[in-house]
Protein backbone atom coordinates (compact mmCIF):
# COMPACT_ATOMS: atom_id res chain seq x y z
CA MET A 1 3.13 30.43 -11.41
CA ALA A 2 2.01 32.25 -14.55
CA SER A 3 3.66 35.37 -15.67
CA PRO A 4 1.69 38.41 -15.07
CA ASN A 5 1.48 38.99 -18.74
CA ARG A 6 0.06 35.59 -19.58
CA ALA A 7 -3.42 34.43 -18.57
CA VAL A 8 -3.72 30.81 -17.26
CA LYS A 9 -6.70 28.86 -18.98
CA ILE A 10 -9.06 26.76 -17.01
CA GLY A 11 -7.60 23.36 -16.60
CA GLU A 12 -4.12 24.39 -17.50
CA LYS A 13 -1.45 23.96 -14.87
CA PRO A 14 0.52 27.16 -14.17
CA ARG A 15 4.19 26.99 -15.29
CA ARG A 16 6.69 26.35 -12.68
CA LYS A 17 9.74 28.58 -12.51
CA THR A 18 12.81 26.45 -12.85
CA ALA A 19 14.26 26.00 -9.41
CA LEU A 20 17.76 26.74 -8.74
CA PRO A 21 19.69 23.83 -7.15
CA VAL A 22 19.26 23.67 -3.47
CA SER A 23 22.23 22.80 -1.32
CA TYR A 24 21.92 20.11 1.31
CA GLU A 25 24.45 22.01 3.39
CA HIS A 26 22.84 25.40 3.22
CA ASP A 27 19.11 24.71 3.42
CA PHE A 28 18.21 21.29 4.42
CA SER A 29 14.42 21.86 4.49
CA ALA A 30 14.38 23.23 0.91
CA TRP A 31 16.78 20.36 -0.11
CA ALA A 32 14.49 17.74 1.39
CA PHE A 33 11.37 19.14 -0.44
CA ALA A 34 13.21 19.44 -3.76
CA GLN A 35 14.39 16.00 -3.57
CA ALA A 36 11.00 14.56 -2.68
CA ARG A 37 9.71 16.43 -5.68
CA ALA A 38 12.38 15.03 -7.91
CA LEU A 39 11.67 11.42 -6.62
CA ARG A 40 8.00 11.78 -7.22
CA GLU A 41 8.70 13.20 -10.77
CA ARG A 42 11.20 10.47 -11.27
CA GLN A 43 13.88 13.01 -12.15
CA ALA A 44 16.84 10.83 -11.46
CA ASP A 45 19.33 13.45 -12.69
CA ALA A 46 18.15 15.93 -10.16
CA LEU A 47 18.52 13.52 -7.14
CA ASP A 48 21.35 13.93 -4.67
CA TRP A 49 21.98 10.23 -4.19
CA GLU A 50 24.65 10.29 -1.50
CA ASN A 51 22.84 12.50 0.79
CA ILE A 52 19.51 10.92 0.22
CA ALA A 53 21.08 7.62 1.18
CA ALA A 54 22.65 9.24 4.25
CA GLU A 55 19.31 10.61 5.35
CA ILE A 56 17.43 7.23 4.98
CA GLU A 57 20.10 5.57 7.06
CA SER A 58 19.77 8.38 9.76
CA LEU A 59 16.02 7.64 9.84
CA GLY A 60 16.84 3.95 10.69
CA ARG A 61 19.34 5.12 13.28
CA SER A 62 16.81 7.47 14.81
CA ASP A 63 14.38 4.63 15.39
CA ARG A 64 17.03 2.38 16.83
CA ASP A 65 18.20 5.32 19.12
CA SER A 66 14.54 6.08 20.18
CA LEU A 67 14.16 2.37 21.01
CA ARG A 68 17.34 2.40 23.20
CA SER A 69 16.37 5.66 25.02
CA ARG A 70 12.82 4.31 25.71
CA LEU A 71 14.26 1.12 27.02
CA THR A 72 16.72 3.02 29.24
CA VAL A 73 13.75 5.00 30.71
CA ILE A 74 11.76 1.87 31.30
CA LEU A 75 14.71 0.11 32.92
CA SER A 76 15.78 2.91 35.13
CA HIS A 77 12.34 3.27 36.60
CA LEU A 78 12.12 -0.66 37.08
CA LEU A 79 15.33 -0.64 38.92
CA LYS A 80 14.26 2.16 41.26
CA LEU A 81 10.93 0.35 41.83
CA ARG A 82 12.92 -2.77 42.80
CA TYR A 83 15.73 -1.29 44.77
CA GLN A 84 14.54 1.92 46.24
CA PRO A 85 12.08 1.63 49.35
CA LYS A 86 10.26 4.98 48.40
CA ASN A 87 8.46 4.66 45.09
CA SER A 88 6.78 7.24 42.85
CA ILE A 89 3.55 6.92 40.91
CA SER A 90 5.25 8.98 38.14
CA TRP A 91 7.62 6.06 37.64
CA LEU A 92 4.60 3.77 36.80
CA VAL A 93 3.18 6.25 34.50
CA SER A 94 6.43 6.76 32.76
CA ILE A 95 7.05 3.08 32.40
CA THR A 96 3.53 2.54 31.05
CA THR A 97 3.91 5.32 28.56
CA GLN A 98 7.24 4.24 27.29
CA ARG A 99 6.15 0.58 26.93
CA ALA A 100 3.35 1.87 24.64
CA ASP A 101 5.73 3.90 22.79
CA VAL A 102 8.16 1.01 22.33
CA GLU A 103 5.33 -1.30 21.12
CA ASP A 104 4.20 1.47 18.59
CA LEU A 105 7.89 1.80 17.40
CA LEU A 106 8.22 -2.04 17.10
CA MET A 107 4.94 -2.21 15.07
CA LYS A 108 6.35 0.63 12.73
CA SER A 109 9.78 -0.96 12.50
CA PRO A 110 9.38 -4.70 13.13
CA SER A 111 12.98 -5.51 12.16
CA LEU A 112 14.07 -3.72 15.49
CA ARG A 113 12.42 -6.57 17.52
CA ARG A 114 15.36 -8.98 16.57
CA ARG A 115 17.76 -6.28 17.55
CA LEU A 116 16.17 -5.87 21.03
CA PRO A 117 18.72 -8.07 22.89
CA GLU A 118 21.80 -6.03 21.59
CA ILE A 119 19.93 -2.82 22.27
CA LEU A 120 18.95 -3.91 25.69
CA ILE A 121 22.72 -4.40 26.70
CA GLY A 122 23.62 -0.60 26.22
CA ALA A 123 20.30 0.50 27.44
CA TYR A 124 20.76 -1.29 30.69
CA ARG A 125 24.27 -0.16 31.26
CA THR A 126 22.96 3.42 30.92
CA ALA A 127 19.82 2.77 33.08
CA ARG A 128 21.95 1.25 35.81
CA LYS A 129 24.00 4.50 36.00
CA VAL A 130 20.93 6.80 35.78
CA ALA A 131 18.96 4.80 38.51
CA SER A 132 22.00 4.80 40.84
CA LEU A 133 22.41 8.47 40.50
CA GLU A 134 18.76 9.27 40.94
CA MET A 135 18.72 7.04 44.00
CA GLY A 136 21.67 8.82 45.44
CA LEU A 137 23.65 5.61 45.73
CA GLY A 138 27.38 5.79 46.60
CA LYS A 139 29.96 3.77 44.82
CA ARG A 140 29.69 0.90 47.40
CA GLU A 141 25.95 0.86 47.31
CA ARG A 142 25.70 0.63 43.62
CA ASP A 143 26.92 -2.89 43.64
CA LEU A 144 23.54 -3.57 45.06
CA ILE A 145 22.21 -3.21 41.47
CA PRO A 146 23.37 -6.18 39.30
CA ASP A 147 25.69 -5.70 36.44
CA GLU A 148 23.42 -7.92 34.27
CA CYS A 149 20.01 -6.96 33.57
CA PRO A 150 17.74 -8.56 36.13
CA PHE A 151 14.57 -8.39 33.85
CA THR A 152 13.78 -10.39 30.73
CA LEU A 153 12.64 -8.64 27.60
CA GLU A 154 9.19 -10.09 28.14
CA GLU A 155 9.14 -8.60 31.67
CA ILE A 156 10.46 -5.22 30.33
CA LEU A 157 7.62 -4.91 27.85
CA ASP A 158 4.86 -6.55 29.98
CA ASP A 159 2.23 -3.88 30.75
CA GLU A 160 1.25 -5.65 34.02
CA LEU A 161 4.76 -6.00 35.54
CA PHE A 162 5.90 -3.55 38.11
CA PRO A 163 8.42 -4.96 40.62
CA GLU A 164 7.53 -4.89 44.26
């Protein structure tokens, strides 16, 4: 901003006040905007390299975690559809929504597609527990649900597949 005593001429950019260094630990939002500005202005000496790297890694983990969470929801509902006599239309809606979100995520981050098999292992383990609890299965009854995922990746992501 221009000082109150100095007029800004047409076409002239107002002078910026020199910003005080913003701390990652004390004000993440301000830090993020300051780092983005420093990147755009190519001010390498103003960059907080370690925390920028950590945040970029965090973004990658966030997509992976989101994928796992969505697969867990899909799988728990697929298991309930297969193993519980009484079904809910809301499960079908949830499966459809989560499948669309998984596809969007995989388009945005295609490298996650090759990680699907490993992500699926953890997602199924959690989905099996969730589905068992939601179906009210006792310890003995839980054995009805297989330890290994009974669905292929293709089936899990197939918009048309809903177990009988």
